[in-house]
Amino acid sequence: MREQSLTYAEAKALCANYQHLVGHALTTEPTDFSIIECVTIAPCDDVNKWIVAHHFMESGYPNANSDVNHHPFYDVILLARYRSDNSILYIDLDSYLQQKSNLDMTIEA
């Protein structure tokens, strides 16, 4: 498990390494938000993650402003759209990978 706070450069590199997740299922269960539409960088706090997700919902672009690299810490988030009302769900990369890891361990057992 990686450290929770990343520099902008670390988050940018990690984000680039996980772009292959776009188009994959966010969850193993069929849901209204099952497809990952975007893997992006967001400031580490929940309020700014919500802002990035909300901006993506409205504009189709993940980052609401060009000042995104002025925060001290960052995270990588996955964005999926609810089909029923066009709203956005986000989950941080660590949580997503942890869910996948737990599922893999369950399947092997």
N, C-alpha and C. Protein backbone atom coordinates (compact mmCIF):
# COMPACT_ATOMS: atom_id res chain seq x y z
N MET A 1 0.84 -1.18 0.00
CA MET A 1 0.00 0.00 0.00
C MET A 1 0.89 1.24 0.00
N ARG A 2 0.57 2.19 -0.85
CA ARG A 2 1.39 3.39 -0.93
C ARG A 2 0.96 4.42 0.11
N GLU A 3 1.82 5.40 0.28
CA GLU A 3 1.51 6.50 1.19
C GLU A 3 0.32 7.29 0.66
N GLN A 4 -0.52 7.82 1.53
CA GLN A 4 -1.74 8.50 1.13
C GLN A 4 -1.51 9.84 0.43
N SER A 5 -0.42 10.52 0.72
CA SER A 5 -0.21 11.82 0.11
C SER A 5 0.91 11.76 -0.92
N LEU A 6 0.59 12.23 -2.11
CA LEU A 6 1.55 12.23 -3.22
C LEU A 6 1.86 13.65 -3.63
N THR A 7 3.06 13.86 -4.15
CA THR A 7 3.35 15.14 -4.78
C THR A 7 2.62 15.15 -6.13
N TYR A 8 2.55 16.32 -6.74
CA TYR A 8 1.89 16.40 -8.05
C TYR A 8 2.60 15.51 -9.06
N ALA A 9 3.93 15.51 -9.07
CA ALA A 9 4.69 14.69 -10.01
C ALA A 9 4.44 13.20 -9.79
N GLU A 10 4.38 12.78 -8.54
CA GLU A 10 4.11 11.37 -8.23
C GLU A 10 2.70 10.97 -8.68
N ALA A 11 1.74 11.84 -8.41
CA ALA A 11 0.36 11.56 -8.81
C ALA A 11 0.23 11.52 -10.33
N LYS A 12 0.92 12.42 -11.01
CA LYS A 12 0.88 12.45 -12.47
C LYS A 12 1.44 11.16 -13.05
N ALA A 13 2.55 10.67 -12.51
CA ALA A 13 3.15 9.42 -12.99
C ALA A 13 2.24 8.23 -12.70
N LEU A 14 1.68 8.18 -11.50
CA LEU A 14 0.79 7.09 -11.13
C LEU A 14 -0.47 7.11 -12.01
N CYS A 15 -1.00 8.28 -12.25
CA CYS A 15 -2.17 8.44 -13.10
C CYS A 15 -1.88 7.91 -14.51
N ALA A 16 -0.74 8.24 -15.05
CA ALA A 16 -0.36 7.77 -16.39
C ALA A 16 -0.25 6.25 -16.42
N ASN A 17 0.23 5.65 -15.35
CA ASN A 17 0.38 4.19 -15.29
C ASN A 17 -0.94 3.44 -15.22
N TYR A 18 -2.02 4.11 -14.84
CA TYR A 18 -3.31 3.44 -14.68
C TYR A 18 -4.37 3.89 -15.69
N GLN A 19 -3.97 4.54 -16.75
CA GLN A 19 -4.93 4.95 -17.78
C GLN A 19 -5.62 3.76 -18.44
N HIS A 20 -4.99 2.60 -18.37
CA HIS A 20 -5.58 1.39 -18.97
C HIS A 20 -6.89 0.98 -18.29
N LEU A 21 -7.20 1.55 -17.13
CA LEU A 21 -8.45 1.21 -16.43
C LEU A 21 -9.68 1.85 -17.07
N VAL A 22 -9.48 2.90 -17.88
CA VAL A 22 -10.62 3.56 -18.55
C VAL A 22 -11.32 2.53 -19.43
N GLY A 23 -12.63 2.44 -19.25
CA GLY A 23 -13.44 1.49 -20.00
C GLY A 23 -13.66 0.18 -19.28
N HIS A 24 -12.95 -0.04 -18.19
CA HIS A 24 -13.12 -1.26 -17.40
C HIS A 24 -14.22 -1.05 -16.36
N ALA A 25 -14.69 -2.15 -15.80
CA ALA A 25 -15.74 -2.10 -14.79
C ALA A 25 -15.21 -1.50 -13.49
N LEU A 26 -15.98 -0.62 -12.90
CA LEU A 26 -15.62 -0.04 -11.60
C LEU A 26 -15.90 -1.03 -10.48
N THR A 27 -16.97 -1.77 -10.62
CA THR A 27 -17.34 -2.77 -9.61
C THR A 27 -17.56 -4.11 -10.30
N THR A 28 -17.59 -5.15 -9.51
CA THR A 28 -17.83 -6.48 -10.05
C THR A 28 -19.32 -6.75 -10.22
N GLU A 29 -20.14 -6.00 -9.51
CA GLU A 29 -21.59 -6.16 -9.61
C GLU A 29 -22.13 -5.21 -10.67
N PRO A 30 -23.11 -5.64 -11.46
CA PRO A 30 -23.71 -4.72 -12.43
C PRO A 30 -24.43 -3.59 -11.69
N THR A 31 -24.05 -2.38 -11.99
CA THR A 31 -24.66 -1.22 -11.35
C THR A 31 -24.92 -0.15 -12.39
N ASP A 32 -25.46 0.93 -11.94
CA ASP A 32 -25.75 2.07 -12.80
C ASP A 32 -24.49 2.89 -13.10
N PHE A 33 -23.38 2.59 -12.46
CA PHE A 33 -22.16 3.37 -12.66
C PHE A 33 -20.96 2.46 -12.89
N SER A 34 -21.12 1.43 -13.67
CA SER A 34 -20.14 0.37 -13.68
C SER A 34 -18.90 0.60 -14.54
N ILE A 35 -18.85 1.60 -15.40
CA ILE A 35 -17.72 1.78 -16.30
C ILE A 35 -16.88 3.00 -15.91
N ILE A 36 -15.57 2.80 -15.79
CA ILE A 36 -14.65 3.90 -15.48
C ILE A 36 -14.49 4.76 -16.73
N GLU A 37 -14.78 6.04 -16.60
CA GLU A 37 -14.66 6.97 -17.72
C GLU A 37 -13.37 7.76 -17.70
N CYS A 38 -12.77 7.93 -16.51
CA CYS A 38 -11.61 8.80 -16.41
C CYS A 38 -10.76 8.40 -15.21
N VAL A 39 -9.45 8.42 -15.40
CA VAL A 39 -8.48 8.28 -14.31
C VAL A 39 -7.73 9.60 -14.29
N THR A 40 -7.79 10.30 -13.16
CA THR A 40 -7.22 11.65 -13.11
C THR A 40 -6.61 11.97 -11.76
N ILE A 41 -5.94 13.09 -11.71
CA ILE A 41 -5.31 13.60 -10.50
C ILE A 41 -6.28 14.57 -9.81
N ALA A 42 -6.30 14.51 -8.49
CA ALA A 42 -7.11 15.45 -7.71
C ALA A 42 -6.35 15.79 -6.44
N PRO A 43 -6.55 16.99 -5.91
CA PRO A 43 -6.00 17.28 -4.59
C PRO A 43 -6.49 16.22 -3.60
N CYS A 44 -5.72 15.95 -2.59
CA CYS A 44 -5.92 14.81 -1.70
C CYS A 44 -7.19 14.90 -0.84
N ASP A 45 -7.68 16.09 -0.56
CA ASP A 45 -8.83 16.22 0.34
C ASP A 45 -10.14 15.93 -0.38
N ASP A 46 -11.13 15.47 0.37
CA ASP A 46 -12.42 15.07 -0.20
C ASP A 46 -13.16 16.19 -0.89
N VAL A 47 -13.07 17.40 -0.38
CA VAL A 47 -13.78 18.53 -0.99
C VAL A 47 -13.26 18.76 -2.40
N ASN A 48 -11.94 18.79 -2.57
CA ASN A 48 -11.38 19.03 -3.89
C ASN A 48 -11.58 17.84 -4.83
N LYS A 49 -11.62 16.62 -4.29
CA LYS A 49 -11.95 15.46 -5.13
C LYS A 49 -13.37 15.63 -5.67
N TRP A 50 -14.29 16.06 -4.80
CA TRP A 50 -15.67 16.28 -5.22
C TRP A 50 -15.72 17.36 -6.29
N ILE A 51 -14.95 18.42 -6.13
CA ILE A 51 -14.93 19.51 -7.12
C ILE A 51 -14.46 19.00 -8.47
N VAL A 52 -13.39 18.21 -8.49
CA VAL A 52 -12.87 17.64 -9.74
C VAL A 52 -13.95 16.76 -10.38
N ALA A 53 -14.59 15.90 -9.58
CA ALA A 53 -15.63 15.02 -10.10
C ALA A 53 -16.81 15.82 -10.64
N HIS A 54 -17.22 16.85 -9.91
CA HIS A 54 -18.36 17.67 -10.34
C HIS A 54 -18.03 18.41 -11.64
N HIS A 55 -16.81 18.90 -11.76
CA HIS A 55 -16.42 19.58 -12.99
C HIS A 55 -16.45 18.60 -14.17
N PHE A 56 -15.99 17.38 -13.94
CA PHE A 56 -16.03 16.37 -14.99
C PHE A 56 -17.48 16.09 -15.39
N MET A 57 -18.38 16.03 -14.42
CA MET A 57 -19.79 15.79 -14.70
C MET A 57 -20.36 16.88 -15.60
N GLU A 58 -20.00 18.12 -15.34
CA GLU A 58 -20.56 19.24 -16.09
C GLU A 58 -19.88 19.47 -17.43
N SER A 59 -18.57 19.27 -17.50
CA SER A 59 -17.84 19.67 -18.70
C SER A 59 -17.22 18.52 -19.50
N GLY A 60 -17.07 17.36 -18.86
CA GLY A 60 -16.38 16.27 -19.53
C GLY A 60 -14.88 16.32 -19.34
N TYR A 61 -14.41 17.33 -18.62
CA TYR A 61 -12.99 17.47 -18.32
C TYR A 61 -12.80 17.35 -16.81
N PRO A 62 -11.76 16.62 -16.35
CA PRO A 62 -11.65 16.36 -14.92
C PRO A 62 -11.20 17.53 -14.06
N ASN A 63 -10.35 18.41 -14.54
CA ASN A 63 -9.79 19.44 -13.66
C ASN A 63 -10.48 20.77 -13.87
N ALA A 64 -11.00 21.31 -12.77
CA ALA A 64 -11.79 22.53 -12.83
C ALA A 64 -10.96 23.77 -13.10
N ASN A 65 -9.68 23.73 -12.78
CA ASN A 65 -8.85 24.91 -13.02
C ASN A 65 -7.41 24.51 -13.30
N SER A 66 -6.64 25.44 -13.77
CA SER A 66 -5.24 25.16 -14.11
C SER A 66 -4.32 25.28 -12.89
N ASP A 67 -4.87 25.65 -11.74
CA ASP A 67 -4.07 25.80 -10.53
C ASP A 67 -3.97 24.50 -9.74
N VAL A 68 -4.29 23.37 -10.38
CA VAL A 68 -4.36 22.11 -9.66
C VAL A 68 -3.03 21.73 -9.00
N ASN A 69 -1.90 22.18 -9.50
CA ASN A 69 -0.62 21.80 -8.90
C ASN A 69 -0.16 22.77 -7.80
N HIS A 70 -1.09 23.53 -7.23
CA HIS A 70 -0.75 24.44 -6.13
C HIS A 70 -1.17 23.91 -4.77
N HIS A 71 -1.63 22.67 -4.73
CA HIS A 71 -1.99 22.03 -3.47
C HIS A 71 -0.79 21.24 -2.97
N PRO A 72 -0.69 21.00 -1.68
CA PRO A 72 0.48 20.27 -1.17
C PRO A 72 0.46 18.77 -1.46
N PHE A 73 -0.72 18.15 -1.51
CA PHE A 73 -0.80 16.70 -1.69
C PHE A 73 -1.89 16.34 -2.69
N TYR A 74 -1.70 15.21 -3.36
CA TYR A 74 -2.60 14.77 -4.42
C TYR A 74 -2.94 13.30 -4.29
N ASP A 75 -3.94 12.89 -5.03
CA ASP A 75 -4.34 11.50 -5.11
C ASP A 75 -4.76 11.24 -6.55
N VAL A 76 -4.90 9.98 -6.90
CA VAL A 76 -5.42 9.59 -8.20
C VAL A 76 -6.81 9.03 -7.97
N ILE A 77 -7.77 9.53 -8.74
CA ILE A 77 -9.15 9.08 -8.58
C ILE A 77 -9.68 8.52 -9.90
N LEU A 78 -10.66 7.62 -9.76
CA LEU A 78 -11.35 7.04 -10.91
C LEU A 78 -12.75 7.63 -10.93
N LEU A 79 -13.22 8.03 -12.10
CA LEU A 79 -14.53 8.64 -12.25
C LEU A 79 -15.43 7.75 -13.09
N ALA A 80 -16.64 7.53 -12.63
CA ALA A 80 -17.64 6.77 -13.36
C ALA A 80 -18.96 7.55 -13.30
N ARG A 81 -19.71 7.51 -14.39
CA ARG A 81 -20.95 8.28 -14.48
C ARG A 81 -22.16 7.38 -14.20
N TYR A 82 -23.07 7.87 -13.37
CA TYR A 82 -24.35 7.18 -13.21
C TYR A 82 -25.13 7.37 -14.50
N ARG A 83 -25.60 6.30 -15.07
CA ARG A 83 -26.34 6.39 -16.33
C ARG A 83 -27.72 7.01 -16.12
N SER A 84 -28.33 6.77 -14.97
CA SER A 84 -29.70 7.22 -14.74
C SER A 84 -29.85 8.73 -14.64
N ASP A 85 -28.87 9.41 -14.06
CA ASP A 85 -29.04 10.86 -13.89
C ASP A 85 -27.80 11.67 -14.27
N ASN A 86 -26.80 11.02 -14.88
CA ASN A 86 -25.60 11.69 -15.38
C ASN A 86 -24.69 12.24 -14.29
N SER A 87 -24.95 11.91 -13.02
CA SER A 87 -24.05 12.36 -11.96
C SER A 87 -22.81 11.46 -11.92
N ILE A 88 -21.83 11.86 -11.16
CA ILE A 88 -20.52 11.19 -11.15
C ILE A 88 -20.23 10.57 -9.79
N LEU A 89 -19.64 9.40 -9.84
CA LEU A 89 -19.11 8.74 -8.65
C LEU A 89 -17.60 8.73 -8.79
N TYR A 90 -16.89 8.99 -7.69
CA TYR A 90 -15.43 8.87 -7.74
C TYR A 90 -14.97 7.96 -6.61
N ILE A 91 -13.84 7.30 -6.87
CA ILE A 91 -13.19 6.46 -5.87
C ILE A 91 -11.69 6.64 -6.06
N ASP A 92 -10.95 6.68 -4.96
CA ASP A 92 -9.51 6.83 -5.10
C ASP A 92 -8.90 5.51 -5.57
N LEU A 93 -7.78 5.60 -6.23
CA LEU A 93 -7.12 4.45 -6.83
C LEU A 93 -6.80 3.39 -5.79
N ASP A 94 -6.30 3.78 -4.63
CA ASP A 94 -5.98 2.81 -3.58
C ASP A 94 -7.20 1.98 -3.16
N SER A 95 -8.34 2.63 -2.98
CA SER A 95 -9.55 1.92 -2.58
C SER A 95 -9.97 0.95 -3.68
N TYR A 96 -9.89 1.39 -4.93
CA TYR A 96 -10.24 0.53 -6.05
C TYR A 96 -9.33 -0.70 -6.10
N LEU A 97 -8.03 -0.48 -5.96
CA LEU A 97 -7.08 -1.60 -6.01
C LEU A 97 -7.27 -2.54 -4.82
N GLN A 98 -7.60 -1.98 -3.66
CA GLN A 98 -7.86 -2.80 -2.48
C GLN A 98 -9.09 -3.68 -2.69
N GLN A 99 -10.14 -3.11 -3.28
CA GLN A 99 -11.34 -3.90 -3.57
C GLN A 99 -11.02 -5.03 -4.54
N LYS A 100 -10.23 -4.73 -5.57
CA LYS A 100 -9.84 -5.75 -6.54
C LYS A 100 -9.01 -6.84 -5.87
N SER A 101 -8.11 -6.44 -4.99
CA SER A 101 -7.25 -7.39 -4.28
C SER A 101 -8.09 -8.29 -3.39
N ASN A 102 -9.04 -7.72 -2.66
CA ASN A 102 -9.92 -8.51 -1.79
C ASN A 102 -10.75 -9.49 -2.61
N LEU A 103 -11.23 -9.05 -3.77
CA LEU A 103 -12.00 -9.93 -4.64
C LEU A 103 -11.13 -11.09 -5.13
N ASP A 104 -9.91 -10.78 -5.55
CA ASP A 104 -9.00 -11.82 -6.04
C ASP A 104 -8.73 -12.85 -4.96
N MET A 105 -8.56 -12.41 -3.71
CA MET A 105 -8.31 -13.34 -2.60
C MET A 105 -9.55 -14.18 -2.34
N THR A 106 -10.73 -13.61 -2.49
CA THR A 106 -11.98 -14.34 -2.28
C THR A 106 -12.15 -15.42 -3.35
N ILE A 107 -11.84 -15.08 -4.60
CA ILE A 107 -11.99 -16.02 -5.71
C ILE A 107 -11.02 -17.19 -5.54
N GLU A 108 -9.81 -16.94 -5.07
CA GLU A 108 -8.81 -17.99 -4.89
C GLU A 108 -9.15 -18.92 -3.75
N ALA A 109 -9.88 -18.43 -2.75
CA ALA A 109 -10.16 -19.24 -1.54
C ALA A 109 -11.11 -20.38 -1.81
